[in-house]
Amino acid sequence: MADLEQARAAKERLRMTLKGRSDVRGIGIARAADGYQLQVNMSRDPGSDLPGAVDGVDVRVRVVGAIRASA
């Protein structure tokens, strides 16, 4: 599994790959059982549009729906 530095580098690469997609709500780093993984929050299910890993770092997709401001 990936260490934190590998995850940070992969996050930047994934961020550039997904730039401009309106369904991406956020990209972060999450702890995994034996290291770190990337987590992509999406407004809808992307199907098979996203990679399963970037530079050896696993990618997890989480559908969070629309993000709205609340008062």
PDB file of N, CA and C in Angstrom:
ATOM      1  N   MET A   1       0.842  -1.181   0.000  1.00  0.00           N
ATOM      2  CA  MET A   1       0.000   0.000   0.000  1.00  0.00           C
ATOM      3  C   MET A   1       0.882   1.238   0.000  1.00  0.00           C
ATOM      4  N   ALA A   2       0.304   2.353  -0.291  1.00  0.00           N
ATOM      5  CA  ALA A   2       1.035   3.602  -0.470  1.00  0.00           C
ATOM      6  C   ALA A   2       1.314   4.304   0.855  1.00  0.00           C
ATOM      7  N   ASP A   3       2.475   4.974   0.900  1.00  0.00           N
ATOM      8  CA  ASP A   3       2.742   5.815   2.054  1.00  0.00           C
ATOM      9  C   ASP A   3       2.179   7.212   1.771  1.00  0.00           C
ATOM     10  N   LEU A   4       2.296   8.100   2.750  1.00  0.00           N
ATOM     11  CA  LEU A   4       1.677   9.418   2.639  1.00  0.00           C
ATOM     12  C   LEU A   4       2.259  10.246   1.490  1.00  0.00           C
ATOM     13  N   GLU A   5       3.550  10.195   1.287  1.00  0.00           N
ATOM     14  CA  GLU A   5       4.161  10.963   0.201  1.00  0.00           C
ATOM     15  C   GLU A   5       3.700  10.461  -1.169  1.00  0.00           C
ATOM     16  N   GLN A   6       3.594   9.155  -1.344  1.00  0.00           N
ATOM     17  CA  GLN A   6       3.084   8.595  -2.603  1.00  0.00           C
ATOM     18  C   GLN A   6       1.648   9.040  -2.829  1.00  0.00           C
ATOM     19  N   ALA A   7       0.846   9.023  -1.764  1.00  0.00           N
ATOM     20  CA  ALA A   7      -0.555   9.434  -1.870  1.00  0.00           C
ATOM     21  C   ALA A   7      -0.667  10.910  -2.247  1.00  0.00           C
ATOM     22  N   ARG A   8       0.174  11.740  -1.674  1.00  0.00           N
ATOM     23  CA  ARG A   8       0.148  13.177  -2.008  1.00  0.00           C
ATOM     24  C   ARG A   8       0.487  13.421  -3.477  1.00  0.00           C
ATOM     25  N   ALA A   9       1.489  12.727  -3.974  1.00  0.00           N
ATOM     26  CA  ALA A   9       1.875  12.884  -5.379  1.00  0.00           C
ATOM     27  C   ALA A   9       0.776  12.373  -6.303  1.00  0.00           C
ATOM     28  N   ALA A  10       0.176  11.241  -5.959  1.00  0.00           N
ATOM     29  CA  ALA A  10      -0.892  10.671  -6.777  1.00  0.00           C
ATOM     30  C   ALA A  10      -2.132  11.563  -6.746  1.00  0.00           C
ATOM     31  N   LYS A  11      -2.397  12.190  -5.602  1.00  0.00           N
ATOM     32  CA  LYS A  11      -3.549  13.094  -5.487  1.00  0.00           C
ATOM     33  C   LYS A  11      -3.408  14.257  -6.459  1.00  0.00           C
ATOM     34  N   GLU A  12      -2.213  14.818  -6.537  1.00  0.00           N
ATOM     35  CA  GLU A  12      -1.994  15.946  -7.450  1.00  0.00           C
ATOM     36  C   GLU A  12      -2.183  15.512  -8.904  1.00  0.00           C
ATOM     37  N   ARG A  13      -1.678  14.347  -9.238  1.00  0.00           N
ATOM     38  CA  ARG A  13      -1.847  13.841 -10.613  1.00  0.00           C
ATOM     39  C   ARG A  13      -3.322  13.588 -10.922  1.00  0.00           C
ATOM     40  N   LEU A  14      -4.050  12.992  -9.974  1.00  0.00           N
ATOM     41  CA  LEU A  14      -5.480  12.730 -10.172  1.00  0.00           C
ATOM     42  C   LEU A  14      -6.262  14.038 -10.266  1.00  0.00           C
ATOM     43  N   ARG A  15      -5.881  15.021  -9.454  1.00  0.00           N
ATOM     44  CA  ARG A  15      -6.545  16.321  -9.504  1.00  0.00           C
ATOM     45  C   ARG A  15      -6.424  16.941 -10.892  1.00  0.00           C
ATOM     46  N   MET A  16      -5.261  16.842 -11.493  1.00  0.00           N
ATOM     47  CA  MET A  16      -5.064  17.382 -12.840  1.00  0.00           C
ATOM     48  C   MET A  16      -5.861  16.577 -13.875  1.00  0.00           C
ATOM     49  N   THR A  17      -5.947  15.272 -13.688  1.00  0.00           N
ATOM     50  CA  THR A  17      -6.700  14.418 -14.608  1.00  0.00           C
ATOM     51  C   THR A  17      -8.191  14.737 -14.576  1.00  0.00           C
ATOM     52  N   LEU A  18      -8.722  15.010 -13.378  1.00  0.00           N
ATOM     53  CA  LEU A  18     -10.160  15.237 -13.215  1.00  0.00           C
ATOM     54  C   LEU A  18     -10.563  16.705 -13.303  1.00  0.00           C
ATOM     55  N   LYS A  19      -9.592  17.579 -13.512  1.00  0.00           N
ATOM     56  CA  LYS A  19      -9.858  19.026 -13.582  1.00  0.00           C
ATOM     57  C   LYS A  19     -10.954  19.318 -14.605  1.00  0.00           C
ATOM     58  N   GLY A  20     -11.908  20.144 -14.198  1.00  0.00           N
ATOM     59  CA  GLY A  20     -12.973  20.554 -15.100  1.00  0.00           C
ATOM     60  C   GLY A  20     -14.219  19.676 -15.056  1.00  0.00           C
ATOM     61  N   ARG A  21     -14.165  18.555 -14.343  1.00  0.00           N
ATOM     62  CA  ARG A  21     -15.346  17.692 -14.253  1.00  0.00           C
ATOM     63  C   ARG A  21     -16.312  18.263 -13.229  1.00  0.00           C
ATOM     64  N   SER A  22     -17.540  18.503 -13.646  1.00  0.00           N
ATOM     65  CA  SER A  22     -18.527  19.116 -12.756  1.00  0.00           C
ATOM     66  C   SER A  22     -19.077  18.142 -11.719  1.00  0.00           C
ATOM     67  N   ASP A  23     -18.865  16.843 -11.894  1.00  0.00           N
ATOM     68  CA  ASP A  23     -19.394  15.872 -10.932  1.00  0.00           C
ATOM     69  C   ASP A  23     -18.430  15.567  -9.786  1.00  0.00           C
ATOM     70  N   VAL A  24     -17.219  16.110  -9.831  1.00  0.00           N
ATOM     71  CA  VAL A  24     -16.251  15.906  -8.754  1.00  0.00           C
ATOM     72  C   VAL A  24     -16.497  16.945  -7.669  1.00  0.00           C
ATOM     73  N   ARG A  25     -16.695  16.487  -6.445  1.00  0.00           N
ATOM     74  CA  ARG A  25     -16.955  17.377  -5.315  1.00  0.00           C
ATOM     75  C   ARG A  25     -15.726  17.569  -4.437  1.00  0.00           C
ATOM     76  N   GLY A  26     -14.774  16.651  -4.530  1.00  0.00           N
ATOM     77  CA  GLY A  26     -13.557  16.787  -3.747  1.00  0.00           C
ATOM     78  C   GLY A  26     -12.651  15.584  -3.933  1.00  0.00           C
ATOM     79  N   ILE A  27     -11.357  15.799  -3.722  1.00  0.00           N
ATOM     80  CA  ILE A  27     -10.367  14.726  -3.807  1.00  0.00           C
ATOM     81  C   ILE A  27      -9.520  14.813  -2.546  1.00  0.00           C
ATOM     82  N   GLY A  28      -9.407  13.698  -1.851  1.00  0.00           N
ATOM     83  CA  GLY A  28      -8.647  13.701  -0.615  1.00  0.00           C
ATOM     84  C   GLY A  28      -7.831  12.437  -0.439  1.00  0.00           C
ATOM     85  N   ILE A  29      -7.119  12.396   0.673  1.00  0.00           N
ATOM     86  CA  ILE A  29      -6.318  11.237   1.054  1.00  0.00           C
ATOM     87  C   ILE A  29      -6.978  10.625   2.281  1.00  0.00           C
ATOM     88  N   ALA A  30      -7.142   9.307   2.251  1.00  0.00           N
ATOM     89  CA  ALA A  30      -7.783   8.599   3.366  1.00  0.00           C
ATOM     90  C   ALA A  30      -6.893   7.457   3.835  1.00  0.00           C
ATOM     91  N   ARG A  31      -6.974   7.156   5.105  1.00  0.00           N
ATOM     92  CA  ARG A  31      -6.241   6.012   5.642  1.00  0.00           C
ATOM     93  C   ARG A  31      -6.865   4.739   5.113  1.00  0.00           C
ATOM     94  N   ALA A  32      -6.020   3.783   4.831  1.00  0.00           N
ATOM     95  CA  ALA A  32      -6.447   2.448   4.427  1.00  0.00           C
ATOM     96  C   ALA A  32      -5.862   1.477   5.448  1.00  0.00           C
ATOM     97  N   ALA A  33      -6.210   0.224   5.346  1.00  0.00           N
ATOM     98  CA  ALA A  33      -5.765  -0.776   6.318  1.00  0.00           C
ATOM     99  C   ALA A  33      -4.244  -0.799   6.461  1.00  0.00           C
ATOM    100  N   ASP A  34      -3.533  -0.643   5.368  1.00  0.00           N
ATOM    101  CA  ASP A  34      -2.078  -0.741   5.425  1.00  0.00           C
ATOM    102  C   ASP A  34      -1.369   0.424   4.743  1.00  0.00           C
ATOM    103  N   GLY A  35      -1.928   1.613   4.849  1.00  0.00           N
ATOM    104  CA  GLY A  35      -1.315   2.785   4.240  1.00  0.00           C
ATOM    105  C   GLY A  35      -2.347   3.852   3.950  1.00  0.00           C
ATOM    106  N   TYR A  36      -2.248   4.419   2.745  1.00  0.00           N
ATOM    107  CA  TYR A  36      -3.146   5.501   2.346  1.00  0.00           C
ATOM    108  C   TYR A  36      -3.742   5.221   0.975  1.00  0.00           C
ATOM    109  N   GLN A  37      -4.901   5.814   0.727  1.00  0.00           N
ATOM    110  CA  GLN A  37      -5.570   5.721  -0.567  1.00  0.00           C
ATOM    111  C   GLN A  37      -6.154   7.085  -0.897  1.00  0.00           C
ATOM    112  N   LEU A  38      -6.566   7.262  -2.133  1.00  0.00           N
ATOM    113  CA  LEU A  38      -7.217   8.492  -2.550  1.00  0.00           C
ATOM    114  C   LEU A  38      -8.717   8.293  -2.472  1.00  0.00           C
ATOM    115  N   GLN A  39      -9.424   9.339  -2.081  1.00  0.00           N
ATOM    116  CA  GLN A  39     -10.881   9.293  -2.058  1.00  0.00           C
ATOM    117  C   GLN A  39     -11.415  10.423  -2.928  1.00  0.00           C
ATOM    118  N   VAL A  40     -12.277  10.070  -3.854  1.00  0.00           N
ATOM    119  CA  VAL A  40     -12.899  11.054  -4.733  1.00  0.00           C
ATOM    120  C   VAL A  40     -14.373  11.126  -4.378  1.00  0.00           C
ATOM    121  N   ASN A  41     -14.835  12.295  -3.933  1.00  0.00           N
ATOM    122  CA  ASN A  41     -16.250  12.515  -3.652  1.00  0.00           C
ATOM    123  C   ASN A  41     -16.913  13.002  -4.929  1.00  0.00           C
ATOM    124  N   MET A  42     -18.003  12.332  -5.305  1.00  0.00           N
ATOM    125  CA  MET A  42     -18.696  12.620  -6.563  1.00  0.00           C
ATOM    126  C   MET A  42     -20.155  12.964  -6.297  1.00  0.00           C
ATOM    127  N   SER A  43     -20.738  13.758  -7.174  1.00  0.00           N
ATOM    128  CA  SER A  43     -22.154  14.086  -7.053  1.00  0.00           C
ATOM    129  C   SER A  43     -23.040  12.950  -7.559  1.00  0.00           C
ATOM    130  N   ARG A  44     -22.468  12.100  -8.418  1.00  0.00           N
ATOM    131  CA  ARG A  44     -23.216  10.951  -8.967  1.00  0.00           C
ATOM    132  C   ARG A  44     -22.237   9.821  -9.245  1.00  0.00           C
ATOM    133  N   ASP A  45     -22.759   8.651  -9.486  1.00  0.00           N
ATOM    134  CA  ASP A  45     -21.921   7.487  -9.772  1.00  0.00           C
ATOM    135  C   ASP A  45     -21.206   7.693 -11.101  1.00  0.00           C
ATOM    136  N   PRO A  46     -19.873   7.644 -11.106  1.00  0.00           N
ATOM    137  CA  PRO A  46     -19.139   7.890 -12.349  1.00  0.00           C
ATOM    138  C   PRO A  46     -19.048   6.668 -13.255  1.00  0.00           C
ATOM    139  N   GLY A  47     -19.581   5.539 -12.830  1.00  0.00           N
ATOM    140  CA  GLY A  47     -19.451   4.327 -13.629  1.00  0.00           C
ATOM    141  C   GLY A  47     -18.006   3.892 -13.644  1.00  0.00           C
ATOM    142  N   SER A  48     -17.476   3.620 -14.805  1.00  0.00           N
ATOM    143  CA  SER A  48     -16.077   3.186 -14.906  1.00  0.00           C
ATOM    144  C   SER A  48     -15.178   4.303 -15.429  1.00  0.00           C
ATOM    145  N   ASP A  49     -15.605   5.554 -15.283  1.00  0.00           N
ATOM    146  CA  ASP A  49     -14.838   6.698 -15.784  1.00  0.00           C
ATOM    147  C   ASP A  49     -13.564   6.999 -15.009  1.00  0.00           C
ATOM    148  N   LEU A  50     -13.468   6.543 -13.764  1.00  0.00           N
ATOM    149  CA  LEU A  50     -12.306   6.868 -12.940  1.00  0.00           C
ATOM    150  C   LEU A  50     -11.353   5.686 -12.846  1.00  0.00           C
ATOM    151  N   PRO A  51     -10.069   5.975 -12.714  1.00  0.00           N
ATOM    152  CA  PRO A  51      -9.104   4.878 -12.574  1.00  0.00           C
ATOM    153  C   PRO A  51      -9.239   4.205 -11.213  1.00  0.00           C
ATOM    154  N   GLY A  52      -8.886   2.932 -11.131  1.00  0.00           N
ATOM    155  CA  GLY A  52      -8.903   2.205  -9.866  1.00  0.00           C
ATOM    156  C   GLY A  52      -7.690   2.507  -9.019  1.00  0.00           C
ATOM    157  N   ALA A  53      -6.648   3.025  -9.654  1.00  0.00           N
ATOM    158  CA  ALA A  53      -5.421   3.393  -8.950  1.00  0.00           C
ATOM    159  C   ALA A  53      -4.670   4.435  -9.772  1.00  0.00           C
ATOM    160  N   VAL A  54      -3.883   5.252  -9.084  1.00  0.00           N
ATOM    161  CA  VAL A  54      -3.022   6.244  -9.724  1.00  0.00           C
ATOM    162  C   VAL A  54      -1.618   6.058  -9.149  1.00  0.00           C
ATOM    163  N   ASP A  55      -0.680   5.740  -9.999  1.00  0.00           N
ATOM    164  CA  ASP A  55       0.705   5.532  -9.576  1.00  0.00           C
ATOM    165  C   ASP A  55       0.804   4.550  -8.407  1.00  0.00           C
ATOM    166  N   GLY A  56      -0.007   3.516  -8.439  1.00  0.00           N
ATOM    167  CA  GLY A  56       0.024   2.495  -7.406  1.00  0.00           C
ATOM    168  C   GLY A  56      -0.776   2.814  -6.160  1.00  0.00           C
ATOM    169  N   VAL A  57      -1.448   3.961  -6.129  1.00  0.00           N
ATOM    170  CA  VAL A  57      -2.273   4.355  -4.985  1.00  0.00           C
ATOM    171  C   VAL A  57      -3.731   4.075  -5.342  1.00  0.00           C
ATOM    172  N   ASP A  58      -4.408   3.275  -4.526  1.00  0.00           N
ATOM    173  CA  ASP A  58      -5.802   2.926  -4.789  1.00  0.00           C
ATOM    174  C   ASP A  58      -6.698   4.160  -4.742  1.00  0.00           C
ATOM    175  N   VAL A  59      -7.741   4.150  -5.592  1.00  0.00           N
ATOM    176  CA  VAL A  59      -8.721   5.231  -5.647  1.00  0.00           C
ATOM    177  C   VAL A  59     -10.073   4.685  -5.200  1.00  0.00           C
ATOM    178  N   ARG A  60     -10.662   5.330  -4.213  1.00  0.00           N
ATOM    179  CA  ARG A  60     -11.990   4.964  -3.716  1.00  0.00           C
ATOM    180  C   ARG A  60     -12.960   6.076  -4.108  1.00  0.00           C
ATOM    181  N   VAL A  61     -14.107   5.712  -4.638  1.00  0.00           N
ATOM    182  CA  VAL A  61     -15.118   6.681  -5.046  1.00  0.00           C
ATOM    183  C   VAL A  61     -16.240   6.673  -4.016  1.00  0.00           C
ATOM    184  N   ARG A  62     -16.653   7.864  -3.617  1.00  0.00           N
ATOM    185  CA  ARG A  62     -17.752   8.010  -2.667  1.00  0.00           C
ATOM    186  C   ARG A  62     -18.765   8.963  -3.288  1.00  0.00           C
ATOM    187  N   VAL A  63     -19.981   8.494  -3.490  1.00  0.00           N
ATOM    188  CA  VAL A  63     -21.038   9.340  -4.051  1.00  0.00           C
ATOM    189  C   VAL A  63     -21.689  10.099  -2.895  1.00  0.00           C
ATOM    190  N   VAL A  64     -21.548  11.430  -2.915  1.00  0.00           N
ATOM    191  CA  VAL A  64     -22.059  12.270  -1.835  1.00  0.00           C
ATOM    192  C   VAL A  64     -23.263  13.099  -2.264  1.00  0.00           C
ATOM    193  N   GLY A  65     -23.583  13.081  -3.537  1.00  0.00           N
ATOM    194  CA  GLY A  65     -24.706  13.859  -4.035  1.00  0.00           C
ATOM    195  C   GLY A  65     -24.327  15.306  -4.227  1.00  0.00           C
ATOM    196  N   ALA A  66     -25.344  16.134  -4.394  1.00  0.00           N
ATOM    197  CA  ALA A  66     -25.124  17.564  -4.619  1.00  0.00           C
ATOM    198  C   ALA A  66     -24.702  18.226  -3.313  1.00  0.00           C
ATOM    199  N   ILE A  67     -23.817  19.184  -3.403  1.00  0.00           N
ATOM    200  CA  ILE A  67     -23.384  19.962  -2.249  1.00  0.00           C
ATOM    201  C   ILE A  67     -24.123  21.280  -2.280  1.00  0.00           C
ATOM    202  N   ARG A  68     -24.766  21.615  -1.173  1.00  0.00           N
ATOM    203  CA  ARG A  68     -25.540  22.865  -1.104  1.00  0.00           C
ATOM    204  C   ARG A  68     -25.176  23.613   0.157  1.00  0.00           C
ATOM    205  N   ALA A  69     -25.196  24.909   0.065  1.00  0.00           N
ATOM    206  CA  ALA A  69     -24.951  25.751   1.244  1.00  0.00           C
ATOM    207  C   ALA A  69     -26.144  25.654   2.185  1.00  0.00           C
ATOM    208  N   SER A  70     -25.853  25.667   3.466  1.00  0.00           N
ATOM    209  CA  SER A  70     -26.944  25.666   4.442  1.00  0.00           C
ATOM    210  C   SER A  70     -26.746  26.838   5.404  1.00  0.00           C
ATOM    211  N   ALA A  71     -27.831  27.305   5.908  1.00  0.00           N
ATOM    212  CA  ALA A  71     -27.760  28.469   6.822  1.00  0.00           C
ATOM    213  C   ALA A  71     -27.795  28.033   8.250  1.00  0.00           C
TER     214      ALA A  71
END
